Amino acid sequence: MANVTVEALLESGAHFGHLTRRWNPKMRKFIYTERNGIHIIDLRKTQLLLEVAQDVANEVASMGKTVLFVGTKNQAKEPISTQATFCGTNYVSDRWLGGMLTNFTTIRKSIKRLAAIDKMEIDGTFDKITKKERLMRNREREKLRRVFGGIENMTRLPGMLFVVDVKKEHLAVKEAKTLGIPVIGIVDTNSDPDLVDYPIPANDDSIKTIELIAGAIAASVLEGREVAKIRAVESGLSGELSEKEETDGADRKDQRRMRGRRNPNEGGDRQGGGDRGGNNDRNRRPRTDAPRAAAPVAAAPVAAAPAAAPVAAPAAAPAAPVEVASVAPEAAAE
């Protein structure tokens, strides 16, 4: 991470503030002295607060979040776009449209429109339309790219804003505050430092100062992005390892489950019907079947009933003599 010295800040003219009559009393703690009706900023505090802002920007970028650079004043347009491109982040350097953060869904539609026009030129659709329509599409594309070119590939809200001239970019600061997005801002002696989370007291009208501070923030963001890439690779490897461990663990559980399943003839499953094993079922069956097997023994007397039939036969015997006796007299009469 590039450290900015007090000497470098002094050479860039970062210590020059605004006229004393245009100052903001909240900037008193950052003012070193007054000279020829101009406030002089304490560069030692500027250096310390710049280091704090660098650390925070590095941390945000290392988490994979975007640090959006914002600077639409003439002195900041080129430094902001150059440094943001250097560190591979998004930027707004033309003008801030209301709702760029709070109405990001609508902004995304304009960005998609820009991508659609670019696609028309690539796939040859421009060759199929009239010259007038082609001219209109080109003008529309230039306008969209001028406003949204720096955030063309931004698919989600940024994790932090870096703003040049908090007073001029009050809309961006207000939207970020509404959404809870932290803001790093260069504050001059006429600005309110309480509007941003990480103020950097410095001359926001000097191109050299803006280049110096924006370059320091960009270097921190670049280092953070490299850390984020390393973490992404490590997390991918750890994810593969954890997935492999989960698979191995599942295989081991299946093996233990298969070993726990015994032959029903050797033993039952402990989970079946609350029984402790098949042996209990086997032990219960003899007790259940024993009374059924004894039933024939109890039925023996019933089966012996036919044996008493001969007793009934003698009872029929007296009837025979009666029949014979009735016949005998007839035979005697003859």
C-alpha atoms as a PDB file:
ATOM      1  CA  MET A   1       0.000   0.000   0.000  1.00  0.00           C
ATOM      2  CA  ALA A   2       1.456   3.343  -1.100  1.00  0.00           C
ATOM      3  CA  ASN A   3       2.138   5.731   1.767  1.00  0.00           C
ATOM      4  CA  VAL A   4       1.770   9.427   0.982  1.00  0.00           C
ATOM      5  CA  THR A   5       4.208  11.691   2.788  1.00  0.00           C
ATOM      6  CA  VAL A   6       3.605  15.177   4.096  1.00  0.00           C
ATOM      7  CA  GLU A   7       6.193  16.466   1.627  1.00  0.00           C
ATOM      8  CA  ALA A   8       4.276  14.981  -1.306  1.00  0.00           C
ATOM      9  CA  LEU A   9       1.065  16.569  -0.064  1.00  0.00           C
ATOM     10  CA  LEU A  10       2.830  19.897   0.337  1.00  0.00           C
ATOM     11  CA  GLU A  11       4.240  19.781  -3.199  1.00  0.00           C
ATOM     12  CA  SER A  12       0.799  19.037  -4.628  1.00  0.00           C
ATOM     13  CA  GLY A  13      -0.708  22.067  -2.892  1.00  0.00           C
ATOM     14  CA  ALA A  14      -3.008  20.026  -0.659  1.00  0.00           C
ATOM     15  CA  HIS A  15      -2.601  22.521   2.201  1.00  0.00           C
ATOM     16  CA  PHE A  16      -4.373  25.428   0.490  1.00  0.00           C
ATOM     17  CA  GLY A  17      -7.938  25.949   1.652  1.00  0.00           C
ATOM     18  CA  HIS A  18     -10.613  28.464   0.712  1.00  0.00           C
ATOM     19  CA  LEU A  19     -10.980  32.060   1.762  1.00  0.00           C
ATOM     20  CA  THR A  20     -11.524  32.502   5.474  1.00  0.00           C
ATOM     21  CA  ARG A  21     -14.922  34.070   4.918  1.00  0.00           C
ATOM     22  CA  ARG A  22     -16.111  30.937   3.107  1.00  0.00           C
ATOM     23  CA  TRP A  23     -15.046  28.398   5.690  1.00  0.00           C
ATOM     24  CA  ASN A  24     -17.141  25.845   7.523  1.00  0.00           C
ATOM     25  CA  PRO A  25     -16.643  26.043  11.307  1.00  0.00           C
ATOM     26  CA  LYS A  26     -16.727  22.232  11.511  1.00  0.00           C
ATOM     27  CA  MET A  27     -13.373  22.213   9.691  1.00  0.00           C
ATOM     28  CA  ARG A  28     -11.693  24.127  12.497  1.00  0.00           C
ATOM     29  CA  LYS A  29      -9.936  21.005  13.870  1.00  0.00           C
ATOM     30  CA  PHE A  30      -8.272  20.398  10.484  1.00  0.00           C
ATOM     31  CA  ILE A  31      -7.010  23.956   9.946  1.00  0.00           C
ATOM     32  CA  TYR A  32      -3.410  24.718  10.859  1.00  0.00           C
ATOM     33  CA  THR A  33      -3.364  28.496  10.391  1.00  0.00           C
ATOM     34  CA  GLU A  34      -4.575  31.384   8.238  1.00  0.00           C
ATOM     35  CA  ARG A  35      -2.403  33.245   5.774  1.00  0.00           C
ATOM     36  CA  ASN A  36      -3.346  36.148   3.492  1.00  0.00           C
ATOM     37  CA  GLY A  37      -7.032  35.530   4.045  1.00  0.00           C
ATOM     38  CA  ILE A  38      -6.731  31.805   3.168  1.00  0.00           C
ATOM     39  CA  HIS A  39      -6.951  28.895   5.561  1.00  0.00           C
ATOM     40  CA  ILE A  40      -4.017  26.484   5.634  1.00  0.00           C
ATOM     41  CA  ILE A  41      -4.855  22.821   6.224  1.00  0.00           C
ATOM     42  CA  ASP A  42      -2.840  20.752   8.703  1.00  0.00           C
ATOM     43  CA  LEU A  43      -1.173  18.192   6.426  1.00  0.00           C
ATOM     44  CA  ARG A  44      -0.135  15.943   9.313  1.00  0.00           C
ATOM     45  CA  LYS A  45      -3.803  15.262   9.991  1.00  0.00           C
ATOM     46  CA  THR A  46      -4.380  14.856   6.266  1.00  0.00           C
ATOM     47  CA  GLN A  47      -1.705  12.172   6.130  1.00  0.00           C
ATOM     48  CA  LEU A  48      -3.112  10.275   9.120  1.00  0.00           C
ATOM     49  CA  LEU A  49      -6.687  10.364   7.852  1.00  0.00           C
ATOM     50  CA  LEU A  50      -5.569   9.338   4.360  1.00  0.00           C
ATOM     51  CA  GLU A  51      -3.889   6.251   5.830  1.00  0.00           C
ATOM     52  CA  VAL A  52      -7.101   5.388   7.670  1.00  0.00           C
ATOM     53  CA  ALA A  53      -9.086   5.756   4.445  1.00  0.00           C
ATOM     54  CA  GLN A  54      -6.584   3.569   2.601  1.00  0.00           C
ATOM     55  CA  ASP A  55      -6.908   0.807   5.187  1.00  0.00           C
ATOM     56  CA  VAL A  56     -10.702   0.888   4.988  1.00  0.00           C
ATOM     57  CA  ALA A  57     -10.720   0.880   1.173  1.00  0.00           C
ATOM     58  CA  ASN A  58      -8.309  -2.056   1.182  1.00  0.00           C
ATOM     59  CA  GLU A  59     -10.518  -3.989   3.589  1.00  0.00           C
ATOM     60  CA  VAL A  60     -13.682  -3.349   1.564  1.00  0.00           C
ATOM     61  CA  ALA A  61     -12.003  -4.402  -1.682  1.00  0.00           C
ATOM     62  CA  SER A  62     -10.559  -7.539  -0.051  1.00  0.00           C
ATOM     63  CA  MET A  63     -14.123  -8.648   0.725  1.00  0.00           C
ATOM     64  CA  GLY A  64     -14.954  -8.591  -2.986  1.00  0.00           C
ATOM     65  CA  LYS A  65     -16.946  -5.354  -2.850  1.00  0.00           C
ATOM     66  CA  THR A  66     -16.689  -2.396  -5.228  1.00  0.00           C
ATOM     67  CA  VAL A  67     -15.294   1.015  -4.309  1.00  0.00           C
ATOM     68  CA  LEU A  68     -17.069   3.541  -6.534  1.00  0.00           C
ATOM     69  CA  PHE A  69     -14.992   6.618  -7.455  1.00  0.00           C
ATOM     70  CA  VAL A  70     -17.032   9.810  -7.868  1.00  0.00           C
ATOM     71  CA  GLY A  71     -15.695  13.119  -9.166  1.00  0.00           C
ATOM     72  CA  THR A  72     -17.683  15.188 -11.661  1.00  0.00           C
ATOM     73  CA  LYS A  73     -15.976  18.569 -11.369  1.00  0.00           C
ATOM     74  CA  ASN A  74     -13.616  19.506 -14.188  1.00  0.00           C
ATOM     75  CA  GLN A  75     -10.484  19.134 -12.072  1.00  0.00           C
ATOM     76  CA  ALA A  76     -11.488  15.624 -10.972  1.00  0.00           C
ATOM     77  CA  LYS A  77     -12.840  14.021 -14.155  1.00  0.00           C
ATOM     78  CA  GLU A  78      -9.582  12.817 -15.640  1.00  0.00           C
ATOM     79  CA  PRO A  79      -7.833  11.781 -12.387  1.00  0.00           C
ATOM     80  CA  ILE A  80     -10.893   9.868 -11.203  1.00  0.00           C
ATOM     81  CA  SER A  81     -11.429   7.974 -14.458  1.00  0.00           C
ATOM     82  CA  THR A  82      -7.707   7.216 -14.807  1.00  0.00           C
ATOM     83  CA  GLN A  83      -7.169   5.926 -11.275  1.00  0.00           C
ATOM     84  CA  ALA A  84     -10.425   3.958 -11.228  1.00  0.00           C
ATOM     85  CA  THR A  85      -9.475   2.265 -14.492  1.00  0.00           C
ATOM     86  CA  PHE A  86      -6.027   1.537 -13.083  1.00  0.00           C
ATOM     87  CA  CYS A  87      -7.415  -0.402 -10.112  1.00  0.00           C
ATOM     88  CA  GLY A  88     -10.254  -1.983 -12.098  1.00  0.00           C
ATOM     89  CA  THR A  89     -13.152  -0.384 -10.257  1.00  0.00           C
ATOM     90  CA  ASN A  90     -16.187   1.679 -11.302  1.00  0.00           C
ATOM     91  CA  TYR A  91     -16.426   5.453 -11.474  1.00  0.00           C
ATOM     92  CA  VAL A  92     -18.726   8.378 -12.250  1.00  0.00           C
ATOM     93  CA  SER A  93     -16.961  11.351 -13.818  1.00  0.00           C
ATOM     94  CA  ASP A  94     -19.530  13.068 -16.047  1.00  0.00           C
ATOM     95  CA  ARG A  95     -22.515  13.836 -13.822  1.00  0.00           C
ATOM     96  CA  TRP A  96     -24.354  12.176 -11.021  1.00  0.00           C
ATOM     97  CA  LEU A  97     -27.919  11.278 -11.916  1.00  0.00           C
ATOM     98  CA  GLY A  98     -30.401  11.310  -9.076  1.00  0.00           C
ATOM     99  CA  GLY A  99     -31.187   7.751  -8.086  1.00  0.00           C
ATOM    100  CA  MET A 100     -27.950   6.182  -9.284  1.00  0.00           C
ATOM    101  CA  LEU A 101     -27.856   4.282  -6.002  1.00  0.00           C
ATOM    102  CA  THR A 102     -31.345   4.536  -4.557  1.00  0.00           C
ATOM    103  CA  ASN A 103     -32.981   3.711  -7.910  1.00  0.00           C
ATOM    104  CA  PHE A 104     -30.327   1.368  -9.204  1.00  0.00           C
ATOM    105  CA  THR A 105     -32.868  -0.922 -10.897  1.00  0.00           C
ATOM    106  CA  THR A 106     -33.863   1.835 -13.325  1.00  0.00           C
ATOM    107  CA  ILE A 107     -30.229   2.755 -13.897  1.00  0.00           C
ATOM    108  CA  ARG A 108     -29.539  -0.861 -14.823  1.00  0.00           C
ATOM    109  CA  LYS A 109     -32.159  -0.593 -17.570  1.00  0.00           C
ATOM    110  CA  SER A 110     -30.224   2.274 -19.157  1.00  0.00           C
ATOM    111  CA  ILE A 111     -27.015   0.254 -18.910  1.00  0.00           C
ATOM    112  CA  LYS A 112     -28.724  -2.700 -20.599  1.00  0.00           C
ATOM    113  CA  ARG A 113     -29.913  -0.358 -23.343  1.00  0.00           C
ATOM    114  CA  LEU A 114     -26.298   0.670 -23.928  1.00  0.00           C
ATOM    115  CA  ALA A 115     -25.258  -2.983 -24.156  1.00  0.00           C
ATOM    116  CA  ALA A 116     -28.104  -3.677 -26.597  1.00  0.00           C
ATOM    117  CA  ILE A 117     -26.945  -0.920 -28.958  1.00  0.00           C
ATOM    118  CA  ASP A 118     -23.388  -2.263 -28.852  1.00  0.00           C
ATOM    119  CA  LYS A 119     -24.723  -5.707 -29.709  1.00  0.00           C
ATOM    120  CA  MET A 120     -26.636  -4.278 -32.689  1.00  0.00           C
ATOM    121  CA  GLU A 121     -23.373  -3.051 -34.159  1.00  0.00           C
ATOM    122  CA  ILE A 122     -21.613  -6.369 -33.553  1.00  0.00           C
ATOM    123  CA  ASP A 123     -24.266  -8.685 -34.982  1.00  0.00           C
ATOM    124  CA  GLY A 124     -24.772  -6.563 -38.100  1.00  0.00           C
ATOM    125  CA  THR A 125     -28.156  -5.069 -37.243  1.00  0.00           C
ATOM    126  CA  PHE A 126     -26.797  -1.595 -38.036  1.00  0.00           C
ATOM    127  CA  ASP A 127     -26.396  -2.635 -41.660  1.00  0.00           C
ATOM    128  CA  LYS A 128     -30.102  -3.451 -41.919  1.00  0.00           C
ATOM    129  CA  ILE A 129     -31.443  -0.099 -40.687  1.00  0.00           C
ATOM    130  CA  THR A 130     -31.548   3.261 -42.405  1.00  0.00           C
ATOM    131  CA  LYS A 131     -28.777   5.794 -42.172  1.00  0.00           C
ATOM    132  CA  LYS A 132     -30.938   8.110 -40.076  1.00  0.00           C
ATOM    133  CA  GLU A 133     -31.780   5.385 -37.569  1.00  0.00           C
ATOM    134  CA  ARG A 134     -28.114   4.422 -37.372  1.00  0.00           C
ATOM    135  CA  LEU A 135     -27.187   8.025 -36.607  1.00  0.00           C
ATOM    136  CA  MET A 136     -29.816   8.213 -33.868  1.00  0.00           C
ATOM    137  CA  ARG A 137     -28.573   4.985 -32.290  1.00  0.00           C
ATOM    138  CA  ASN A 138     -24.989   6.248 -32.315  1.00  0.00           C
ATOM    139  CA  ARG A 139     -25.979   9.496 -30.637  1.00  0.00           C
ATOM    140  CA  GLU A 140     -27.961   7.612 -28.019  1.00  0.00           C
ATOM    141  CA  ARG A 141     -25.024   5.324 -27.358  1.00  0.00           C
ATOM    142  CA  GLU A 142     -22.584   8.214 -26.966  1.00  0.00           C
ATOM    143  CA  LYS A 143     -24.874   9.895 -24.470  1.00  0.00           C
ATOM    144  CA  LEU A 144     -25.387   6.724 -22.448  1.00  0.00           C
ATOM    145  CA  ARG A 145     -21.682   5.878 -22.456  1.00  0.00           C
ATOM    146  CA  ARG A 146     -20.745   9.361 -21.325  1.00  0.00           C
ATOM    147  CA  VAL A 147     -22.999   9.049 -18.279  1.00  0.00           C
ATOM    148  CA  PHE A 148     -22.911   5.310 -17.556  1.00  0.00           C
ATOM    149  CA  GLY A 149     -19.630   4.251 -19.130  1.00  0.00           C
ATOM    150  CA  GLY A 150     -17.857   4.079 -15.773  1.00  0.00           C
ATOM    151  CA  ILE A 151     -20.510   1.842 -14.217  1.00  0.00           C
ATOM    152  CA  GLU A 152     -21.263  -0.206 -17.329  1.00  0.00           C
ATOM    153  CA  ASN A 153     -20.179  -3.452 -15.678  1.00  0.00           C
ATOM    154  CA  MET A 154     -21.483  -2.683 -12.184  1.00  0.00           C
ATOM    155  CA  THR A 155     -24.153  -5.283 -11.432  1.00  0.00           C
ATOM    156  CA  ARG A 156     -24.771  -4.469  -7.767  1.00  0.00           C
ATOM    157  CA  LEU A 157     -24.505  -1.570  -5.341  1.00  0.00           C
ATOM    158  CA  PRO A 158     -20.971  -0.584  -4.337  1.00  0.00           C
ATOM    159  CA  GLY A 159     -19.535  -1.359  -0.940  1.00  0.00           C
ATOM    160  CA  MET A 160     -18.001   2.109  -0.555  1.00  0.00           C
ATOM    161  CA  LEU A 161     -17.782   5.516  -2.245  1.00  0.00           C
ATOM    162  CA  PHE A 162     -14.697   7.660  -2.750  1.00  0.00           C
ATOM    163  CA  VAL A 163     -15.847  11.218  -3.428  1.00  0.00           C
ATOM    164  CA  VAL A 164     -13.936  14.302  -4.522  1.00  0.00           C
ATOM    165  CA  ASP A 165     -15.510  17.520  -3.187  1.00  0.00           C
ATOM    166  CA  VAL A 166     -18.210  16.471  -0.743  1.00  0.00           C
ATOM    167  CA  LYS A 167     -20.044  19.749  -1.239  1.00  0.00           C
ATOM    168  CA  LYS A 168     -20.462  19.328  -5.004  1.00  0.00           C
ATOM    169  CA  GLU A 169     -21.278  15.610  -4.815  1.00  0.00           C
ATOM    170  CA  HIS A 170     -23.899  16.078  -2.108  1.00  0.00           C
ATOM    171  CA  LEU A 171     -26.436  13.940  -4.012  1.00  0.00           C
ATOM    172  CA  ALA A 172     -24.088  10.967  -4.141  1.00  0.00           C
ATOM    173  CA  VAL A 173     -23.217  11.363  -0.466  1.00  0.00           C
ATOM    174  CA  LYS A 174     -26.874  11.628   0.504  1.00  0.00           C
ATOM    175  CA  GLU A 175     -27.873   8.507  -1.436  1.00  0.00           C
ATOM    176  CA  ALA A 176     -24.985   6.548   0.044  1.00  0.00           C
ATOM    177  CA  LYS A 177     -25.965   7.644   3.531  1.00  0.00           C
ATOM    178  CA  THR A 178     -29.573   6.596   2.874  1.00  0.00           C
ATOM    179  CA  LEU A 179     -28.426   3.106   1.897  1.00  0.00           C
ATOM    180  CA  GLY A 180     -25.845   2.838   4.662  1.00  0.00           C
ATOM    181  CA  ILE A 181     -22.869   2.815   2.272  1.00  0.00           C
ATOM    182  CA  PRO A 182     -19.680   4.250   3.862  1.00  0.00           C
ATOM    183  CA  VAL A 183     -18.079   7.235   2.139  1.00  0.00           C
ATOM    184  CA  ILE A 184     -14.486   8.433   1.855  1.00  0.00           C
ATOM    185  CA  GLY A 185     -14.426  12.089   0.882  1.00  0.00           C
ATOM    186  CA  ILE A 186     -11.938  14.861   0.219  1.00  0.00           C
ATOM    187  CA  VAL A 187     -13.173  17.794   2.295  1.00  0.00           C
ATOM    188  CA  ASP A 188     -11.969  21.345   1.793  1.00  0.00           C
ATOM    189  CA  THR A 189     -12.284  24.134   4.348  1.00  0.00           C
ATOM    190  CA  ASN A 190     -15.736  25.041   3.006  1.00  0.00           C
ATOM    191  CA  SER A 191     -17.149  21.508   3.393  1.00  0.00           C
ATOM    192  CA  ASP A 192     -18.943  19.664   6.183  1.00  0.00           C
ATOM    193  CA  PRO A 193     -16.746  16.742   7.329  1.00  0.00           C
ATOM    194  CA  ASP A 194     -19.634  15.165   9.223  1.00  0.00           C
ATOM    195  CA  LEU A 195     -21.331  14.200   5.959  1.00  0.00           C
ATOM    196  CA  VAL A 196     -18.776  11.468   5.248  1.00  0.00           C
ATOM    197  CA  ASP A 197     -17.521   8.567   7.302  1.00  0.00           C
ATOM    198  CA  TYR A 198     -13.830   8.982   6.465  1.00  0.00           C
ATOM    199  CA  PRO A 199     -12.933  12.629   5.703  1.00  0.00           C
ATOM    200  CA  ILE A 200      -9.608  13.565   4.114  1.00  0.00           C
ATOM    201  CA  PRO A 201      -8.952  17.304   4.639  1.00  0.00           C
ATOM    202  CA  ALA A 202      -7.239  18.623   1.515  1.00  0.00           C
ATOM    203  CA  ASN A 203      -7.508  21.043  -1.374  1.00  0.00           C
ATOM    204  CA  ASP A 204     -10.224  19.590  -3.621  1.00  0.00           C
ATOM    205  CA  ASP A 205      -9.576  22.119  -6.418  1.00  0.00           C
ATOM    206  CA  SER A 206      -5.998  21.067  -7.180  1.00  0.00           C
ATOM    207  CA  ILE A 207      -5.566  18.484  -9.940  1.00  0.00           C
ATOM    208  CA  LYS A 208      -2.247  17.323  -8.469  1.00  0.00           C
ATOM    209  CA  THR A 209      -3.789  16.840  -5.041  1.00  0.00           C
ATOM    210  CA  ILE A 210      -6.706  14.882  -6.467  1.00  0.00           C
ATOM    211  CA  GLU A 211      -4.317  12.703  -8.486  1.00  0.00           C
ATOM    212  CA  LEU A 212      -2.168  12.033  -5.429  1.00  0.00           C
ATOM    213  CA  ILE A 213      -5.004  11.096  -3.086  1.00  0.00           C
ATOM    214  CA  ALA A 214      -7.004   9.194  -5.709  1.00  0.00           C
ATOM    215  CA  GLY A 215      -3.863   7.291  -6.661  1.00  0.00           C
ATOM    216  CA  ALA A 216      -3.275   6.285  -3.043  1.00  0.00           C
ATOM    217  CA  ILE A 217      -6.858   5.049  -2.672  1.00  0.00           C
ATOM    218  CA  ALA A 218      -6.642   3.227  -6.017  1.00  0.00           C
ATOM    219  CA  ALA A 219      -3.444   1.440  -4.946  1.00  0.00           C
ATOM    220  CA  SER A 220      -5.156   0.258  -1.766  1.00  0.00           C
ATOM    221  CA  VAL A 221      -8.183  -0.949  -3.724  1.00  0.00           C
ATOM    222  CA  LEU A 222      -5.932  -2.827  -6.149  1.00  0.00           C
ATOM    223  CA  GLU A 223      -4.174  -4.633  -3.296  1.00  0.00           C
ATOM    224  CA  GLY A 224      -7.519  -5.482  -1.752  1.00  0.00           C
ATOM    225  CA  ARG A 225      -8.778  -6.924  -5.043  1.00  0.00           C
ATOM    226  CA  GLU A 226      -5.729  -9.184  -5.241  1.00  0.00           C
ATOM    227  CA  VAL A 227      -6.443 -10.426  -1.725  1.00  0.00           C
ATOM    228  CA  ALA A 228     -10.057 -11.077  -2.718  1.00  0.00           C
ATOM    229  CA  LYS A 229      -8.895 -13.208  -5.671  1.00  0.00           C
ATOM    230  CA  ILE A 230      -6.643 -15.278  -3.402  1.00  0.00           C
ATOM    231  CA  ARG A 231      -9.467 -15.767  -0.926  1.00  0.00           C
ATOM    232  CA  ALA A 232     -11.797 -16.837  -3.713  1.00  0.00           C
ATOM    233  CA  VAL A 233      -9.316 -19.489  -4.854  1.00  0.00           C
ATOM    234  CA  GLU A 234      -8.775 -20.692  -1.300  1.00  0.00           C
ATOM    235  CA  SER A 235     -12.492 -20.822  -0.607  1.00  0.00           C
ATOM    236  CA  GLY A 236     -12.996 -22.798  -3.800  1.00  0.00           C
ATOM    237  CA  LEU A 237     -10.361 -25.322  -2.745  1.00  0.00           C
ATOM    238  CA  SER A 238     -11.739 -25.531   0.770  1.00  0.00           C
ATOM    239  CA  GLY A 239     -15.215 -26.000  -0.681  1.00  0.00           C
ATOM    240  CA  GLU A 240     -13.986 -28.916  -2.766  1.00  0.00           C
ATOM    241  CA  LEU A 241     -12.244 -30.424   0.261  1.00  0.00           C
ATOM    242  CA  SER A 242     -15.302 -30.021   2.454  1.00  0.00           C
ATOM    243  CA  GLU A 243     -17.470 -31.573  -0.257  1.00  0.00           C
ATOM    244  CA  LYS A 244     -15.077 -34.511  -0.455  1.00  0.00           C
ATOM    245  CA  GLU A 245     -15.119 -34.887   3.324  1.00  0.00           C
ATOM    246  CA  GLU A 246     -18.910 -34.856   3.319  1.00  0.00           C
ATOM    247  CA  THR A 247     -18.955 -37.525   0.607  1.00  0.00           C
ATOM    248  CA  ASP A 248     -16.467 -39.687   2.494  1.00  0.00           C
ATOM    249  CA  GLY A 249     -18.457 -39.249   5.686  1.00  0.00           C
ATOM    250  CA  ALA A 250     -21.647 -40.284   3.922  1.00  0.00           C
ATOM    251  CA  ASP A 251     -19.900 -43.353   2.530  1.00  0.00           C
ATOM    252  CA  ARG A 252     -18.675 -44.317   5.988  1.00  0.00           C
ATOM    253  CA  LYS A 253     -22.175 -43.908   7.391  1.00  0.00           C
ATOM    254  CA  ASP A 254     -23.566 -46.130   4.642  1.00  0.00           C
ATOM    255  CA  GLN A 255     -20.962 -48.771   5.388  1.00  0.00           C
ATOM    256  CA  ARG A 256     -21.775 -48.709   9.091  1.00  0.00           C
ATOM    257  CA  ARG A 257     -25.471 -48.896   8.265  1.00  0.00           C
ATOM    258  CA  MET A 258     -24.923 -51.902   6.020  1.00  0.00           C
ATOM    259  CA  ARG A 259     -22.856 -53.632   8.680  1.00  0.00           C
ATOM    260  CA  GLY A 260     -25.604 -52.942  11.178  1.00  0.00           C
ATOM    261  CA  ARG A 261     -28.171 -54.717   9.018  1.00  0.00           C
ATOM    262  CA  ARG A 262     -28.030 -58.446   9.961  1.00  0.00           C
ATOM    263  CA  ASN A 263     -29.685 -61.483   8.435  1.00  0.00           C
ATOM    264  CA  PRO A 264     -33.260 -61.815   9.748  1.00  0.00           C
ATOM    265  CA  ASN A 265     -32.488 -65.439  10.603  1.00  0.00           C
ATOM    266  CA  GLU A 266     -29.572 -64.291  12.775  1.00  0.00           C
ATOM    267  CA  GLY A 267     -31.120 -61.278  14.375  1.00  0.00           C
ATOM    268  CA  GLY A 268     -33.604 -58.528  13.755  1.00  0.00           C
ATOM    269  CA  ASP A 269     -33.341 -54.845  13.247  1.00  0.00           C
ATOM    270  CA  ARG A 270     -33.525 -52.799  16.405  1.00  0.00           C
ATOM    271  CA  GLN A 271     -35.617 -50.247  14.596  1.00  0.00           C
ATOM    272  CA  GLY A 272     -38.392 -52.684  13.646  1.00  0.00           C
ATOM    273  CA  GLY A 273     -41.515 -52.270  15.741  1.00  0.00           C
ATOM    274  CA  GLY A 274     -39.567 -51.458  18.884  1.00  0.00           C
ATOM    275  CA  ASP A 275     -38.275 -55.070  19.125  1.00  0.00           C
ATOM    276  CA  ARG A 276     -34.735 -55.638  20.214  1.00  0.00           C
ATOM    277  CA  GLY A 277     -34.112 -58.337  17.619  1.00  0.00           C
ATOM    278  CA  GLY A 278     -35.469 -61.217  15.622  1.00  0.00           C
ATOM    279  CA  ASN A 279     -34.601 -63.607  18.437  1.00  0.00           C
ATOM    280  CA  ASN A 280     -37.372 -62.066  20.496  1.00  0.00           C
ATOM    281  CA  ASP A 281     -39.800 -62.747  17.670  1.00  0.00           C
ATOM    282  CA  ARG A 282     -38.556 -66.265  17.449  1.00  0.00           C
ATOM    283  CA  ASN A 283     -38.906 -66.694  21.211  1.00  0.00           C
ATOM    284  CA  ARG A 284     -42.421 -65.320  21.125  1.00  0.00           C
ATOM    285  CA  ARG A 285     -43.649 -67.631  18.405  1.00  0.00           C
ATOM    286  CA  PRO A 286     -43.224 -70.862  20.453  1.00  0.00           C
ATOM    287  CA  ARG A 287     -45.115 -69.282  23.314  1.00  0.00           C
ATOM    288  CA  THR A 288     -47.856 -68.232  20.948  1.00  0.00           C
ATOM    289  CA  ASP A 289     -47.981 -71.573  19.135  1.00  0.00           C
ATOM    290  CA  ALA A 290     -47.831 -73.775  22.268  1.00  0.00           C
ATOM    291  CA  PRO A 291     -51.502 -73.342  23.195  1.00  0.00           C
ATOM    292  CA  ARG A 292     -52.472 -73.988  19.574  1.00  0.00           C
ATOM    293  CA  ALA A 293     -50.512 -77.265  19.572  1.00  0.00           C
ATOM    294  CA  ALA A 294     -52.164 -78.338  22.835  1.00  0.00           C
ATOM    295  CA  ALA A 295     -55.634 -77.849  21.389  1.00  0.00           C
ATOM    296  CA  PRO A 296     -55.809 -81.390  19.963  1.00  0.00           C
ATOM    297  CA  VAL A 297     -54.976 -82.799  23.401  1.00  0.00           C
ATOM    298  CA  ALA A 298     -57.856 -80.908  24.926  1.00  0.00           C
ATOM    299  CA  ALA A 299     -60.116 -82.093  22.136  1.00  0.00           C
ATOM    300  CA  ALA A 300     -59.319 -85.744  22.829  1.00  0.00           C
ATOM    301  CA  PRO A 301     -62.415 -86.291  24.981  1.00  0.00           C
ATOM    302  CA  VAL A 302     -64.548 -84.890  22.185  1.00  0.00           C
ATOM    303  CA  ALA A 303     -62.944 -87.300  19.767  1.00  0.00           C
ATOM    304  CA  ALA A 304     -63.643 -90.135  22.212  1.00  0.00           C
ATOM    305  CA  ALA A 305     -67.389 -89.497  21.982  1.00  0.00           C
ATOM    306  CA  PRO A 306     -67.807 -91.862  19.041  1.00  0.00           C
ATOM    307  CA  ALA A 307     -66.316 -94.616  21.224  1.00  0.00           C
ATOM    308  CA  ALA A 308     -69.418 -94.380  23.422  1.00  0.00           C
ATOM    309  CA  ALA A 309     -71.624 -95.285  20.463  1.00  0.00           C
ATOM    310  CA  PRO A 310     -71.640 -98.982  21.409  1.00  0.00           C
ATOM    311  CA  VAL A 311     -73.443 -97.984  24.575  1.00  0.00           C
ATOM    312  CA  ALA A 312     -76.294 -96.698  22.444  1.00  0.00           C
ATOM    313  CA  ALA A 313     -76.402 -99.982  20.489  1.00  0.00           C
ATOM    314  CA  PRO A 314     -77.678-102.121  23.376  1.00  0.00           C
ATOM    315  CA  ALA A 315     -80.479 -99.616  23.862  1.00  0.00           C
ATOM    316  CA  ALA A 316     -81.718-100.515  20.410  1.00  0.00           C
ATOM    317  CA  ALA A 317     -81.437-104.233  21.150  1.00  0.00           C
ATOM    318  CA  PRO A 318     -84.682-104.541  23.141  1.00  0.00           C
ATOM    319  CA  ALA A 319     -86.583-103.214  20.185  1.00  0.00           C
ATOM    320  CA  ALA A 320     -85.516-106.233  18.199  1.00  0.00           C
ATOM    321  CA  PRO A 321     -87.155-108.763  20.496  1.00  0.00           C
ATOM    322  CA  VAL A 322     -90.323-106.725  20.456  1.00  0.00           C
ATOM    323  CA  GLU A 323     -90.327-106.915  16.716  1.00  0.00           C
ATOM    324  CA  VAL A 324     -89.602-110.654  16.882  1.00  0.00           C
ATOM    325  CA  ALA A 325     -92.237-111.155  19.505  1.00  0.00           C
ATOM    326  CA  SER A 326     -94.820-109.419  17.372  1.00  0.00           C
ATOM    327  CA  VAL A 327     -93.981-111.708  14.545  1.00  0.00           C
ATOM    328  CA  ALA A 328     -93.882-114.842  16.589  1.00  0.00           C
ATOM    329  CA  PRO A 329     -97.618-114.975  17.335  1.00  0.00           C
ATOM    330  CA  GLU A 330     -98.395-114.590  13.672  1.00  0.00           C
ATOM    331  CA  ALA A 331     -96.107-117.482  12.957  1.00  0.00           C
ATOM    332  CA  ALA A 332     -97.797-119.441  15.706  1.00  0.00           C
ATOM    333  CA  ALA A 333    -101.210-118.748  14.269  1.00  0.00           C
ATOM    334  CA  GLU A 334    -100.177-120.186  11.017  1.00  0.00           C
END
